[in-house]
Amino acid sequence: MQTVLADWIRLARTDDRQPPVSEYTMQLVEGYAQYTDRIDELISTYAVGWTLDRMPVVDRNILRLGAYELVWEDDTPDAVVIDEAVQLAKEFSTDDSPAFVNGLLGRFKELKPSLRREQSGTEA
């Protein structure tokens, strides 16, 4: 996964044949790449009854970017992050996906202060 993300980031920044990618999109992908293991661990822990492998691919990736943006970024209000993720799930995934994405990201929002304290403790 890390190699794929690193290749995508490199190509997005250097290959003129690739369509332009916004700086914020790059920031989200790079951020997710930095916290891949922790984000997948969080999703696995709190997605009751679902493993990452069983989860629809679209849901898994919406949750990955949403979790990164919600917990580690402050540029967008939490409610907007969750709403945008739910809208993506409505547009591109199953009928059950919007509620699933909303519930899991809502839980991460509740846990955000402790997750940030935990993260700052590991960086010290």
PDB file of N, CA and C in Angstrom:
ATOM      1  N   MET A   1       0.827  -1.187   0.000  1.00  0.00           N
ATOM      2  CA  MET A   1       0.000   0.000   0.000  1.00  0.00           C
ATOM      3  C   MET A   1       0.875   1.256   0.000  1.00  0.00           C
ATOM      4  N   GLN A   2       1.890   1.269   0.845  1.00  0.00           N
ATOM      5  CA  GLN A   2       2.756   2.443   0.932  1.00  0.00           C
ATOM      6  C   GLN A   2       3.430   2.733  -0.406  1.00  0.00           C
ATOM      7  N   THR A   3       3.860   1.691  -1.097  1.00  0.00           N
ATOM      8  CA  THR A   3       4.523   1.868  -2.389  1.00  0.00           C
ATOM      9  C   THR A   3       3.563   2.450  -3.414  1.00  0.00           C
ATOM     10  N   VAL A   4       2.343   1.951  -3.427  1.00  0.00           N
ATOM     11  CA  VAL A   4       1.333   2.464  -4.364  1.00  0.00           C
ATOM     12  C   VAL A   4       1.066   3.937  -4.096  1.00  0.00           C
ATOM     13  N   LEU A   5       0.896   4.298  -2.823  1.00  0.00           N
ATOM     14  CA  LEU A   5       0.651   5.703  -2.481  1.00  0.00           C
ATOM     15  C   LEU A   5       1.842   6.576  -2.844  1.00  0.00           C
ATOM     16  N   ALA A   6       3.037   6.100  -2.539  1.00  0.00           N
ATOM     17  CA  ALA A   6       4.240   6.879  -2.864  1.00  0.00           C
ATOM     18  C   ALA A   6       4.362   7.086  -4.372  1.00  0.00           C
ATOM     19  N   ASP A   7       4.088   6.045  -5.146  1.00  0.00           N
ATOM     20  CA  ASP A   7       4.140   6.173  -6.612  1.00  0.00           C
ATOM     21  C   ASP A   7       3.094   7.159  -7.117  1.00  0.00           C
ATOM     22  N   TRP A   8       1.871   7.063  -6.578  1.00  0.00           N
ATOM     23  CA  TRP A   8       0.807   7.970  -7.004  1.00  0.00           C
ATOM     24  C   TRP A   8       1.183   9.424  -6.700  1.00  0.00           C
ATOM     25  N   ILE A   9       1.685   9.671  -5.503  1.00  0.00           N
ATOM     26  CA  ILE A   9       2.076  11.028  -5.103  1.00  0.00           C
ATOM     27  C   ILE A   9       3.182  11.543  -6.021  1.00  0.00           C
ATOM     28  N   ARG A  10       4.193  10.716  -6.278  1.00  0.00           N
ATOM     29  CA  ARG A  10       5.298  11.121  -7.149  1.00  0.00           C
ATOM     30  C   ARG A  10       4.793  11.458  -8.552  1.00  0.00           C
ATOM     31  N   LEU A  11       3.967  10.595  -9.116  1.00  0.00           N
ATOM     32  CA  LEU A  11       3.438  10.844 -10.462  1.00  0.00           C
ATOM     33  C   LEU A  11       2.538  12.076 -10.499  1.00  0.00           C
ATOM     34  N   ALA A  12       1.719  12.245  -9.480  1.00  0.00           N
ATOM     35  CA  ALA A  12       0.818  13.401  -9.453  1.00  0.00           C
ATOM     36  C   ALA A  12       1.603  14.708  -9.416  1.00  0.00           C
ATOM     37  N   ARG A  13       2.767  14.679  -8.788  1.00  0.00           N
ATOM     38  CA  ARG A  13       3.575  15.896  -8.674  1.00  0.00           C
ATOM     39  C   ARG A  13       4.494  16.128  -9.876  1.00  0.00           C
ATOM     40  N   THR A  14       4.868  15.067 -10.594  1.00  0.00           N
ATOM     41  CA  THR A  14       5.920  15.228 -11.608  1.00  0.00           C
ATOM     42  C   THR A  14       5.523  14.888 -13.037  1.00  0.00           C
ATOM     43  N   ASP A  15       4.489  14.108 -13.243  1.00  0.00           N
ATOM     44  CA  ASP A  15       4.139  13.653 -14.591  1.00  0.00           C
ATOM     45  C   ASP A  15       3.094  14.580 -15.201  1.00  0.00           C
ATOM     46  N   ASP A  16       3.515  15.376 -16.184  1.00  0.00           N
ATOM     47  CA  ASP A  16       2.614  16.340 -16.821  1.00  0.00           C
ATOM     48  C   ASP A  16       1.485  15.670 -17.593  1.00  0.00           C
ATOM     49  N   ARG A  17       1.622  14.390 -17.874  1.00  0.00           N
ATOM     50  CA  ARG A  17       0.559  13.674 -18.586  1.00  0.00           C
ATOM     51  C   ARG A  17      -0.609  13.327 -17.668  1.00  0.00           C
ATOM     52  N   GLN A  18      -0.384  13.404 -16.355  1.00  0.00           N
ATOM     53  CA  GLN A  18      -1.436  13.098 -15.387  1.00  0.00           C
ATOM     54  C   GLN A  18      -2.360  14.303 -15.235  1.00  0.00           C
ATOM     55  N   PRO A  19      -3.649  14.069 -14.984  1.00  0.00           N
ATOM     56  CA  PRO A  19      -4.543  15.206 -14.744  1.00  0.00           C
ATOM     57  C   PRO A  19      -4.116  15.942 -13.475  1.00  0.00           C
ATOM     58  N   PRO A  20      -4.369  17.246 -13.409  1.00  0.00           N
ATOM     59  CA  PRO A  20      -3.960  18.003 -12.225  1.00  0.00           C
ATOM     60  C   PRO A  20      -4.677  17.505 -10.965  1.00  0.00           C
ATOM     61  N   VAL A  21      -3.952  17.528  -9.862  1.00  0.00           N
ATOM     62  CA  VAL A  21      -4.487  17.115  -8.567  1.00  0.00           C
ATOM     63  C   VAL A  21      -4.354  18.307  -7.631  1.00  0.00           C
ATOM     64  N   SER A  22      -5.446  18.642  -6.942  1.00  0.00           N
ATOM     65  CA  SER A  22      -5.403  19.806  -6.051  1.00  0.00           C
ATOM     66  C   SER A  22      -4.430  19.568  -4.899  1.00  0.00           C
ATOM     67  N   GLU A  23      -3.909  20.648  -4.383  1.00  0.00           N
ATOM     68  CA  GLU A  23      -2.956  20.557  -3.273  1.00  0.00           C
ATOM     69  C   GLU A  23      -3.612  19.916  -2.047  1.00  0.00           C
ATOM     70  N   TYR A  24      -4.895  20.217  -1.810  1.00  0.00           N
ATOM     71  CA  TYR A  24      -5.573  19.629  -0.653  1.00  0.00           C
ATOM     72  C   TYR A  24      -5.728  18.117  -0.822  1.00  0.00           C
ATOM     73  N   THR A  25      -6.005  17.674  -2.032  1.00  0.00           N
ATOM     74  CA  THR A  25      -6.084  16.233  -2.292  1.00  0.00           C
ATOM     75  C   THR A  25      -4.735  15.582  -2.022  1.00  0.00           C
ATOM     76  N   MET A  26      -3.671  16.215  -2.470  1.00  0.00           N
ATOM     77  CA  MET A  26      -2.326  15.698  -2.201  1.00  0.00           C
ATOM     78  C   MET A  26      -2.079  15.622  -0.695  1.00  0.00           C
ATOM     79  N   GLN A  27      -2.494  16.655   0.019  1.00  0.00           N
ATOM     80  CA  GLN A  27      -2.320  16.696   1.468  1.00  0.00           C
ATOM     81  C   GLN A  27      -3.056  15.526   2.128  1.00  0.00           C
ATOM     82  N   LEU A  28      -4.278  15.235   1.681  1.00  0.00           N
ATOM     83  CA  LEU A  28      -5.041  14.126   2.253  1.00  0.00           C
ATOM     84  C   LEU A  28      -4.369  12.779   1.974  1.00  0.00           C
ATOM     85  N   VAL A  29      -3.931  12.580   0.749  1.00  0.00           N
ATOM     86  CA  VAL A  29      -3.291  11.308   0.393  1.00  0.00           C
ATOM     87  C   VAL A  29      -1.973  11.146   1.153  1.00  0.00           C
ATOM     88  N   GLU A  30      -1.171  12.200   1.218  1.00  0.00           N
ATOM     89  CA  GLU A  30       0.092  12.128   1.959  1.00  0.00           C
ATOM     90  C   GLU A  30      -0.165  11.903   3.444  1.00  0.00           C
ATOM     91  N   GLY A  31      -1.188  12.559   3.982  1.00  0.00           N
ATOM     92  CA  GLY A  31      -1.528  12.367   5.387  1.00  0.00           C
ATOM     93  C   GLY A  31      -1.969  10.951   5.677  1.00  0.00           C
ATOM     94  N   TYR A  32      -2.844  10.431   4.807  1.00  0.00           N
ATOM     95  CA  TYR A  32      -3.258   9.040   4.987  1.00  0.00           C
ATOM     96  C   TYR A  32      -2.041   8.115   4.903  1.00  0.00           C
ATOM     97  N   ALA A  33      -1.157   8.357   3.947  1.00  0.00           N
ATOM     98  CA  ALA A  33       0.032   7.516   3.792  1.00  0.00           C
ATOM     99  C   ALA A  33       0.877   7.529   5.068  1.00  0.00           C
ATOM    100  N   GLN A  34       0.927   8.664   5.738  1.00  0.00           N
ATOM    101  CA  GLN A  34       1.714   8.787   6.970  1.00  0.00           C
ATOM    102  C   GLN A  34       1.111   7.964   8.112  1.00  0.00           C
ATOM    103  N   TYR A  35      -0.219   7.888   8.165  1.00  0.00           N
ATOM    104  CA  TYR A  35      -0.904   7.238   9.285  1.00  0.00           C
ATOM    105  C   TYR A  35      -1.647   5.967   8.872  1.00  0.00           C
ATOM    106  N   THR A  36      -1.261   5.345   7.766  1.00  0.00           N
ATOM    107  CA  THR A  36      -1.974   4.182   7.228  1.00  0.00           C
ATOM    108  C   THR A  36      -2.266   3.118   8.281  1.00  0.00           C
ATOM    109  N   ASP A  37      -1.245   2.678   8.971  1.00  0.00           N
ATOM    110  CA  ASP A  37      -1.428   1.583   9.929  1.00  0.00           C
ATOM    111  C   ASP A  37      -2.371   1.977  11.053  1.00  0.00           C
ATOM    112  N   ARG A  38      -2.208   3.179  11.583  1.00  0.00           N
ATOM    113  CA  ARG A  38      -3.056   3.627  12.695  1.00  0.00           C
ATOM    114  C   ARG A  38      -4.505   3.785  12.242  1.00  0.00           C
ATOM    115  N   ILE A  39      -4.717   4.344  11.067  1.00  0.00           N
ATOM    116  CA  ILE A  39      -6.081   4.529  10.561  1.00  0.00           C
ATOM    117  C   ILE A  39      -6.745   3.175  10.333  1.00  0.00           C
ATOM    118  N   ASP A  40      -6.053   2.248   9.714  1.00  0.00           N
ATOM    119  CA  ASP A  40      -6.632   0.921   9.491  1.00  0.00           C
ATOM    120  C   ASP A  40      -6.905   0.209  10.812  1.00  0.00           C
ATOM    121  N   GLU A  41      -6.046   0.420  11.795  1.00  0.00           N
ATOM    122  CA  GLU A  41      -6.263  -0.153  13.124  1.00  0.00           C
ATOM    123  C   GLU A  41      -7.534   0.427  13.752  1.00  0.00           C
ATOM    124  N   LEU A  42      -7.717   1.738  13.643  1.00  0.00           N
ATOM    125  CA  LEU A  42      -8.926   2.372  14.184  1.00  0.00           C
ATOM    126  C   LEU A  42     -10.183   1.836  13.510  1.00  0.00           C
ATOM    127  N   ILE A  43     -10.157   1.769  12.195  1.00  0.00           N
ATOM    128  CA  ILE A  43     -11.325   1.272  11.467  1.00  0.00           C
ATOM    129  C   ILE A  43     -11.613  -0.170  11.879  1.00  0.00           C
ATOM    130  N   SER A  44     -10.593  -0.996  11.943  1.00  0.00           N
ATOM    131  CA  SER A  44     -10.775  -2.398  12.330  1.00  0.00           C
ATOM    132  C   SER A  44     -11.322  -2.527  13.745  1.00  0.00           C
ATOM    133  N   THR A  45     -10.864  -1.673  14.634  1.00  0.00           N
ATOM    134  CA  THR A  45     -11.294  -1.729  16.027  1.00  0.00           C
ATOM    135  C   THR A  45     -12.752  -1.318  16.195  1.00  0.00           C
ATOM    136  N   TYR A  46     -13.176  -0.268  15.518  1.00  0.00           N
ATOM    137  CA  TYR A  46     -14.497   0.306  15.768  1.00  0.00           C
ATOM    138  C   TYR A  46     -15.567  -0.075  14.751  1.00  0.00           C
ATOM    139  N   ALA A  47     -15.206  -0.726  13.672  1.00  0.00           N
ATOM    140  CA  ALA A  47     -16.200  -1.189  12.689  1.00  0.00           C
ATOM    141  C   ALA A  47     -16.711  -2.554  13.150  1.00  0.00           C
ATOM    142  N   VAL A  48     -17.609  -2.527  14.114  1.00  0.00           N
ATOM    143  CA  VAL A  48     -18.102  -3.746  14.746  1.00  0.00           C
ATOM    144  C   VAL A  48     -18.745  -4.661  13.695  1.00  0.00           C
ATOM    145  N   GLY A  49     -18.285  -5.900  13.675  1.00  0.00           N
ATOM    146  CA  GLY A  49     -18.843  -6.879  12.754  1.00  0.00           C
ATOM    147  C   GLY A  49     -18.254  -6.839  11.353  1.00  0.00           C
ATOM    148  N   TRP A  50     -17.292  -5.956  11.124  1.00  0.00           N
ATOM    149  CA  TRP A  50     -16.683  -5.835   9.792  1.00  0.00           C
ATOM    150  C   TRP A  50     -15.170  -5.902   9.903  1.00  0.00           C
ATOM    151  N   THR A  51     -14.560  -6.643   9.018  1.00  0.00           N
ATOM    152  CA  THR A  51     -13.113  -6.574   8.864  1.00  0.00           C
ATOM    153  C   THR A  51     -12.843  -5.686   7.657  1.00  0.00           C
ATOM    154  N   LEU A  52     -11.649  -5.175   7.555  1.00  0.00           N
ATOM    155  CA  LEU A  52     -11.304  -4.347   6.393  1.00  0.00           C
ATOM    156  C   LEU A  52     -11.502  -5.120   5.091  1.00  0.00           C
ATOM    157  N   ASP A  53     -11.167  -6.386   5.098  1.00  0.00           N
ATOM    158  CA  ASP A  53     -11.284  -7.191   3.881  1.00  0.00           C
ATOM    159  C   ASP A  53     -12.731  -7.419   3.452  1.00  0.00           C
ATOM    160  N   ARG A  54     -13.651  -7.489   4.395  1.00  0.00           N
ATOM    161  CA  ARG A  54     -15.068  -7.713   4.076  1.00  0.00           C
ATOM    162  C   ARG A  54     -15.795  -6.430   3.700  1.00  0.00           C
ATOM    163  N   MET A  55     -15.265  -5.315   4.110  1.00  0.00           N
ATOM    164  CA  MET A  55     -15.900  -4.020   3.891  1.00  0.00           C
ATOM    165  C   MET A  55     -15.866  -3.660   2.398  1.00  0.00           C
ATOM    166  N   PRO A  56     -16.945  -3.058   1.879  1.00  0.00           N
ATOM    167  CA  PRO A  56     -16.875  -2.594   0.486  1.00  0.00           C
ATOM    168  C   PRO A  56     -15.663  -1.672   0.291  1.00  0.00           C
ATOM    169  N   VAL A  57     -14.968  -1.854  -0.814  1.00  0.00           N
ATOM    170  CA  VAL A  57     -13.745  -1.090  -1.092  1.00  0.00           C
ATOM    171  C   VAL A  57     -14.006   0.411  -1.026  1.00  0.00           C
ATOM    172  N   VAL A  58     -15.118   0.853  -1.572  1.00  0.00           N
ATOM    173  CA  VAL A  58     -15.443   2.283  -1.561  1.00  0.00           C
ATOM    174  C   VAL A  58     -15.577   2.771  -0.126  1.00  0.00           C
ATOM    175  N   ASP A  59     -16.316   2.034   0.707  1.00  0.00           N
ATOM    176  CA  ASP A  59     -16.484   2.428   2.108  1.00  0.00           C
ATOM    177  C   ASP A  59     -15.137   2.496   2.815  1.00  0.00           C
ATOM    178  N   ARG A  60     -14.332   1.485   2.610  1.00  0.00           N
ATOM    179  CA  ARG A  60     -13.016   1.423   3.263  1.00  0.00           C
ATOM    180  C   ARG A  60     -12.180   2.658   2.931  1.00  0.00           C
ATOM    181  N   ASN A  61     -12.181   3.054   1.678  1.00  0.00           N
ATOM    182  CA  ASN A  61     -11.358   4.196   1.285  1.00  0.00           C
ATOM    183  C   ASN A  61     -11.974   5.533   1.683  1.00  0.00           C
ATOM    184  N   ILE A  62     -13.285   5.635   1.669  1.00  0.00           N
ATOM    185  CA  ILE A  62     -13.941   6.838   2.193  1.00  0.00           C
ATOM    186  C   ILE A  62     -13.601   6.983   3.673  1.00  0.00           C
ATOM    187  N   LEU A  63     -13.679   5.885   4.409  1.00  0.00           N
ATOM    188  CA  LEU A  63     -13.371   5.921   5.843  1.00  0.00           C
ATOM    189  C   LEU A  63     -11.908   6.258   6.105  1.00  0.00           C
ATOM    190  N   ARG A  64     -11.023   5.746   5.290  1.00  0.00           N
ATOM    191  CA  ARG A  64      -9.599   6.032   5.480  1.00  0.00           C
ATOM    192  C   ARG A  64      -9.312   7.525   5.333  1.00  0.00           C
ATOM    193  N   LEU A  65      -9.778   8.107   4.247  1.00  0.00           N
ATOM    194  CA  LEU A  65      -9.528   9.544   4.048  1.00  0.00           C
ATOM    195  C   LEU A  65     -10.301  10.380   5.063  1.00  0.00           C
ATOM    196  N   GLY A  66     -11.540   9.981   5.347  1.00  0.00           N
ATOM    197  CA  GLY A  66     -12.341  10.711   6.332  1.00  0.00           C
ATOM    198  C   GLY A  66     -11.719  10.671   7.716  1.00  0.00           C
ATOM    199  N   ALA A  67     -11.219   9.503   8.113  1.00  0.00           N
ATOM    200  CA  ALA A  67     -10.578   9.380   9.427  1.00  0.00           C
ATOM    201  C   ALA A  67      -9.346  10.266   9.510  1.00  0.00           C
ATOM    202  N   TYR A  68      -8.531  10.255   8.460  1.00  0.00           N
ATOM    203  CA  TYR A  68      -7.350  11.126   8.468  1.00  0.00           C
ATOM    204  C   TYR A  68      -7.768  12.590   8.589  1.00  0.00           C
ATOM    205  N   GLU A  69      -8.688  13.007   7.735  1.00  0.00           N
ATOM    206  CA  GLU A  69      -9.097  14.412   7.714  1.00  0.00           C
ATOM    207  C   GLU A  69      -9.734  14.820   9.038  1.00  0.00           C
ATOM    208  N   LEU A  70     -10.508  13.937   9.625  1.00  0.00           N
ATOM    209  CA  LEU A  70     -11.210  14.232  10.870  1.00  0.00           C
ATOM    210  C   LEU A  70     -10.255  14.328  12.057  1.00  0.00           C
ATOM    211  N   VAL A  71      -9.356  13.372  12.172  1.00  0.00           N
ATOM    212  CA  VAL A  71      -8.507  13.292  13.365  1.00  0.00           C
ATOM    213  C   VAL A  71      -7.247  14.141  13.251  1.00  0.00           C
ATOM    214  N   TRP A  72      -6.621  14.185  12.082  1.00  0.00           N
ATOM    215  CA  TRP A  72      -5.307  14.815  11.971  1.00  0.00           C
ATOM    216  C   TRP A  72      -5.286  16.150  11.233  1.00  0.00           C
ATOM    217  N   GLU A  73      -6.376  16.556  10.646  1.00  0.00           N
ATOM    218  CA  GLU A  73      -6.439  17.841   9.938  1.00  0.00           C
ATOM    219  C   GLU A  73      -7.434  18.765  10.631  1.00  0.00           C
ATOM    220  N   ASP A  74      -7.155  20.046  10.616  1.00  0.00           N
ATOM    221  CA  ASP A  74      -8.069  21.019  11.213  1.00  0.00           C
ATOM    222  C   ASP A  74      -8.626  22.005  10.196  1.00  0.00           C
ATOM    223  N   ASP A  75      -8.314  21.817   8.920  1.00  0.00           N
ATOM    224  CA  ASP A  75      -8.724  22.779   7.896  1.00  0.00           C
ATOM    225  C   ASP A  75     -10.220  22.777   7.621  1.00  0.00           C
ATOM    226  N   THR A  76     -10.888  21.660   7.846  1.00  0.00           N
ATOM    227  CA  THR A  76     -12.304  21.523   7.534  1.00  0.00           C
ATOM    228  C   THR A  76     -13.054  21.155   8.811  1.00  0.00           C
ATOM    229  N   PRO A  77     -14.187  21.814   9.080  1.00  0.00           N
ATOM    230  CA  PRO A  77     -14.967  21.463  10.278  1.00  0.00           C
ATOM    231  C   PRO A  77     -15.372  19.984  10.269  1.00  0.00           C
ATOM    232  N   ASP A  78     -15.404  19.391  11.451  1.00  0.00           N
ATOM    233  CA  ASP A  78     -15.719  17.967  11.572  1.00  0.00           C
ATOM    234  C   ASP A  78     -17.038  17.604  10.897  1.00  0.00           C
ATOM    235  N   ALA A  79     -18.060  18.418  11.108  1.00  0.00           N
ATOM    236  CA  ALA A  79     -19.375  18.123  10.521  1.00  0.00           C
ATOM    237  C   ALA A  79     -19.307  18.086   8.997  1.00  0.00           C
ATOM    238  N   VAL A  80     -18.491  18.936   8.413  1.00  0.00           N
ATOM    239  CA  VAL A  80     -18.344  18.973   6.951  1.00  0.00           C
ATOM    240  C   VAL A  80     -17.609  17.722   6.466  1.00  0.00           C
ATOM    241  N   VAL A  81     -16.573  17.313   7.183  1.00  0.00           N
ATOM    242  CA  VAL A  81     -15.834  16.096   6.819  1.00  0.00           C
ATOM    243  C   VAL A  81     -16.793  14.906   6.793  1.00  0.00           C
ATOM    244  N   ILE A  82     -17.583  14.772   7.852  1.00  0.00           N
ATOM    245  CA  ILE A  82     -18.510  13.643   7.946  1.00  0.00           C
ATOM    246  C   ILE A  82     -19.568  13.726   6.854  1.00  0.00           C
ATOM    247  N   ASP A  83     -20.134  14.905   6.641  1.00  0.00           N
ATOM    248  CA  ASP A  83     -21.168  15.057   5.619  1.00  0.00           C
ATOM    249  C   ASP A  83     -20.632  14.728   4.226  1.00  0.00           C
ATOM    250  N   GLU A  84     -19.447  15.204   3.911  1.00  0.00           N
ATOM    251  CA  GLU A  84     -18.866  14.917   2.593  1.00  0.00           C
ATOM    252  C   GLU A  84     -18.618  13.416   2.414  1.00  0.00           C
ATOM    253  N   ALA A  85     -18.159  12.760   3.464  1.00  0.00           N
ATOM    254  CA  ALA A  85     -17.932  11.313   3.392  1.00  0.00           C
ATOM    255  C   ALA A  85     -19.253  10.570   3.186  1.00  0.00           C
ATOM    256  N   VAL A  86     -20.285  10.995   3.892  1.00  0.00           N
ATOM    257  CA  VAL A  86     -21.606  10.373   3.740  1.00  0.00           C
ATOM    258  C   VAL A  86     -22.130  10.584   2.323  1.00  0.00           C
ATOM    259  N   GLN A  87     -21.945  11.779   1.785  1.00  0.00           N
ATOM    260  CA  GLN A  87     -22.393  12.054   0.414  1.00  0.00           C
ATOM    261  C   GLN A  87     -21.658  11.173  -0.595  1.00  0.00           C
ATOM    262  N   LEU A  88     -20.367  10.975  -0.405  1.00  0.00           N
ATOM    263  CA  LEU A  88     -19.614  10.072  -1.283  1.00  0.00           C
ATOM    264  C   LEU A  88     -20.153   8.643  -1.185  1.00  0.00           C
ATOM    265  N   ALA A  89     -20.457   8.210   0.030  1.00  0.00           N
ATOM    266  CA  ALA A  89     -21.008   6.862   0.215  1.00  0.00           C
ATOM    267  C   ALA A  89     -22.370   6.735  -0.463  1.00  0.00           C
ATOM    268  N   LYS A  90     -23.195   7.776  -0.368  1.00  0.00           N
ATOM    269  CA  LYS A  90     -24.504   7.755  -1.046  1.00  0.00           C
ATOM    270  C   LYS A  90     -24.331   7.637  -2.550  1.00  0.00           C
ATOM    271  N   GLU A  91     -23.382   8.366  -3.079  1.00  0.00           N
ATOM    272  CA  GLU A  91     -23.177   8.425  -4.524  1.00  0.00           C
ATOM    273  C   GLU A  91     -22.530   7.158  -5.089  1.00  0.00           C
ATOM    274  N   PHE A  92     -21.580   6.589  -4.359  1.00  0.00           N
ATOM    275  CA  PHE A  92     -20.743   5.555  -4.954  1.00  0.00           C
ATOM    276  C   PHE A  92     -20.794   4.178  -4.298  1.00  0.00           C
ATOM    277  N   SER A  93     -21.559   4.010  -3.216  1.00  0.00           N
ATOM    278  CA  SER A  93     -21.523   2.718  -2.538  1.00  0.00           C
ATOM    279  C   SER A  93     -22.925   2.153  -2.337  1.00  0.00           C
ATOM    280  N   THR A  94     -23.073   1.274  -1.374  1.00  0.00           N
ATOM    281  CA  THR A  94     -24.325   0.551  -1.162  1.00  0.00           C
ATOM    282  C   THR A  94     -25.346   1.404  -0.414  1.00  0.00           C
ATOM    283  N   ASP A  95     -26.573   0.926  -0.362  1.00  0.00           N
ATOM    284  CA  ASP A  95     -27.628   1.648   0.353  1.00  0.00           C
ATOM    285  C   ASP A  95     -27.343   1.753   1.848  1.00  0.00           C
ATOM    286  N   ASP A  96     -26.644   0.782   2.407  1.00  0.00           N
ATOM    287  CA  ASP A  96     -26.325   0.788   3.838  1.00  0.00           C
ATOM    288  C   ASP A  96     -25.077   1.602   4.175  1.00  0.00           C
ATOM    289  N   SER A  97     -24.317   1.950   3.173  1.00  0.00           N
ATOM    290  CA  SER A  97     -23.023   2.600   3.400  1.00  0.00           C
ATOM    291  C   SER A  97     -23.100   3.976   4.054  1.00  0.00           C
ATOM    292  N   PRO A  98     -24.029   4.863   3.658  1.00  0.00           N
ATOM    293  CA  PRO A  98     -24.045   6.188   4.290  1.00  0.00           C
ATOM    294  C   PRO A  98     -24.200   6.126   5.813  1.00  0.00           C
ATOM    295  N   ALA A  99     -25.085   5.274   6.303  1.00  0.00           N
ATOM    296  CA  ALA A  99     -25.274   5.163   7.754  1.00  0.00           C
ATOM    297  C   ALA A  99     -24.026   4.581   8.420  1.00  0.00           C
ATOM    298  N   PHE A 100     -23.411   3.609   7.776  1.00  0.00           N
ATOM    299  CA  PHE A 100     -22.198   2.990   8.300  1.00  0.00           C
ATOM    300  C   PHE A 100     -21.067   4.012   8.395  1.00  0.00           C
ATOM    301  N   VAL A 101     -20.844   4.751   7.318  1.00  0.00           N
ATOM    302  CA  VAL A 101     -19.792   5.773   7.276  1.00  0.00           C
ATOM    303  C   VAL A 101     -20.080   6.857   8.313  1.00  0.00           C
ATOM    304  N   ASN A 102     -21.321   7.309   8.384  1.00  0.00           N
ATOM    305  CA  ASN A 102     -21.707   8.344   9.343  1.00  0.00           C
ATOM    306  C   ASN A 102     -21.449   7.879  10.776  1.00  0.00           C
ATOM    307  N   GLY A 103     -21.862   6.659  11.089  1.00  0.00           N
ATOM    308  CA  GLY A 103     -21.693   6.147  12.447  1.00  0.00           C
ATOM    309  C   GLY A 103     -20.238   5.995  12.845  1.00  0.00           C
ATOM    310  N   LEU A 104     -19.434   5.459  11.954  1.00  0.00           N
ATOM    311  CA  LEU A 104     -18.031   5.222  12.285  1.00  0.00           C
ATOM    312  C   LEU A 104     -17.246   6.531  12.381  1.00  0.00           C
ATOM    313  N   LEU A 105     -17.456   7.435  11.442  1.00  0.00           N
ATOM    314  CA  LEU A 105     -16.763   8.731  11.531  1.00  0.00           C
ATOM    315  C   LEU A 105     -17.276   9.535  12.721  1.00  0.00           C
ATOM    316  N   GLY A 106     -18.557   9.401  13.053  1.00  0.00           N
ATOM    317  CA  GLY A 106     -19.088  10.054  14.251  1.00  0.00           C
ATOM    318  C   GLY A 106     -18.388   9.557  15.504  1.00  0.00           C
ATOM    319  N   ARG A 107     -18.111   8.271  15.552  1.00  0.00           N
ATOM    320  CA  ARG A 107     -17.374   7.700  16.686  1.00  0.00           C
ATOM    321  C   ARG A 107     -15.953   8.256  16.737  1.00  0.00           C
ATOM    322  N   PHE A 108     -15.306   8.363  15.587  1.00  0.00           N
ATOM    323  CA  PHE A 108     -13.958   8.927  15.559  1.00  0.00           C
ATOM    324  C   PHE A 108     -13.967  10.383  16.021  1.00  0.00           C
ATOM    325  N   LYS A 109     -15.020  11.109  15.675  1.00  0.00           N
ATOM    326  CA  LYS A 109     -15.133  12.505  16.127  1.00  0.00           C
ATOM    327  C   LYS A 109     -15.179  12.550  17.652  1.00  0.00           C
ATOM    328  N   GLU A 110     -15.946  11.640  18.266  1.00  0.00           N
ATOM    329  CA  GLU A 110     -16.015  11.579  19.729  1.00  0.00           C
ATOM    330  C   GLU A 110     -14.651  11.243  20.334  1.00  0.00           C
ATOM    331  N   LEU A 111     -13.910  10.379  19.668  1.00  0.00           N
ATOM    332  CA  LEU A 111     -12.610   9.924  20.176  1.00  0.00           C
ATOM    333  C   LEU A 111     -11.458  10.867  19.841  1.00  0.00           C
ATOM    334  N   LYS A 112     -11.722  11.849  19.004  1.00  0.00           N
ATOM    335  CA  LYS A 112     -10.663  12.722  18.484  1.00  0.00           C
ATOM    336  C   LYS A 112      -9.737  13.284  19.568  1.00  0.00           C
ATOM    337  N   PRO A 113     -10.260  13.845  20.663  1.00  0.00           N
ATOM    338  CA  PRO A 113      -9.335  14.385  21.679  1.00  0.00           C
ATOM    339  C   PRO A 113      -8.381  13.321  22.239  1.00  0.00           C
ATOM    340  N   SER A 114      -8.897  12.132  22.536  1.00  0.00           N
ATOM    341  CA  SER A 114      -8.012  11.098  23.092  1.00  0.00           C
ATOM    342  C   SER A 114      -7.054  10.561  22.030  1.00  0.00           C
ATOM    343  N   LEU A 115      -7.501  10.470  20.781  1.00  0.00           N
ATOM    344  CA  LEU A 115      -6.611  10.016  19.707  1.00  0.00           C
ATOM    345  C   LEU A 115      -5.474  11.004  19.489  1.00  0.00           C
ATOM    346  N   ARG A 116      -5.784  12.279  19.595  1.00  0.00           N
ATOM    347  CA  ARG A 116      -4.736  13.296  19.425  1.00  0.00           C
ATOM    348  C   ARG A 116      -3.753  13.275  20.590  1.00  0.00           C
ATOM    349  N   ARG A 117      -4.276  13.100  21.814  1.00  0.00           N
ATOM    350  CA  ARG A 117      -3.381  13.006  22.979  1.00  0.00           C
ATOM    351  C   ARG A 117      -2.472  11.789  22.841  1.00  0.00           C
ATOM    352  N   GLU A 118      -3.059  10.679  22.424  1.00  0.00           N
ATOM    353  CA  GLU A 118      -2.299   9.449  22.220  1.00  0.00           C
ATOM    354  C   GLU A 118      -1.208   9.670  21.176  1.00  0.00           C
ATOM    355  N   GLN A 119      -1.547  10.327  20.082  1.00  0.00           N
ATOM    356  CA  GLN A 119      -0.583  10.577  19.009  1.00  0.00           C
ATOM    357  C   GLN A 119       0.542  11.490  19.490  1.00  0.00           C
ATOM    358  N   SER A 120       0.191  12.559  20.217  1.00  0.00           N
ATOM    359  CA  SER A 120       1.236  13.476  20.671  1.00  0.00           C
ATOM    360  C   SER A 120       2.138  12.798  21.698  1.00  0.00           C
ATOM    361  N   GLY A 121       1.607  11.823  22.429  1.00  0.00           N
ATOM    362  CA  GLY A 121       2.417  11.070  23.375  1.00  0.00           C
ATOM    363  C   GLY A 121       3.434  10.186  22.685  1.00  0.00           C
ATOM    364  N   THR A 122       3.086   9.663  21.502  1.00  0.00           N
ATOM    365  CA  THR A 122       4.024   8.803  20.780  1.00  0.00           C
ATOM    366  C   THR A 122       5.060   9.602  20.020  1.00  0.00           C
ATOM    367  N   GLU A 123       4.783  10.879  19.771  1.00  0.00           N
ATOM    368  CA  GLU A 123       5.732  11.720  19.043  1.00  0.00           C
ATOM    369  C   GLU A 123       6.733  12.390  19.964  1.00  0.00           C
ATOM    370  N   ALA A 124       6.456  12.368  21.273  1.00  0.00           N
ATOM    371  CA  ALA A 124       7.328  13.054  22.234  1.00  0.00           C
ATOM    372  C   ALA A 124       8.631  12.330  22.442  1.00  0.00           C
TER     373      ALA A 124
END
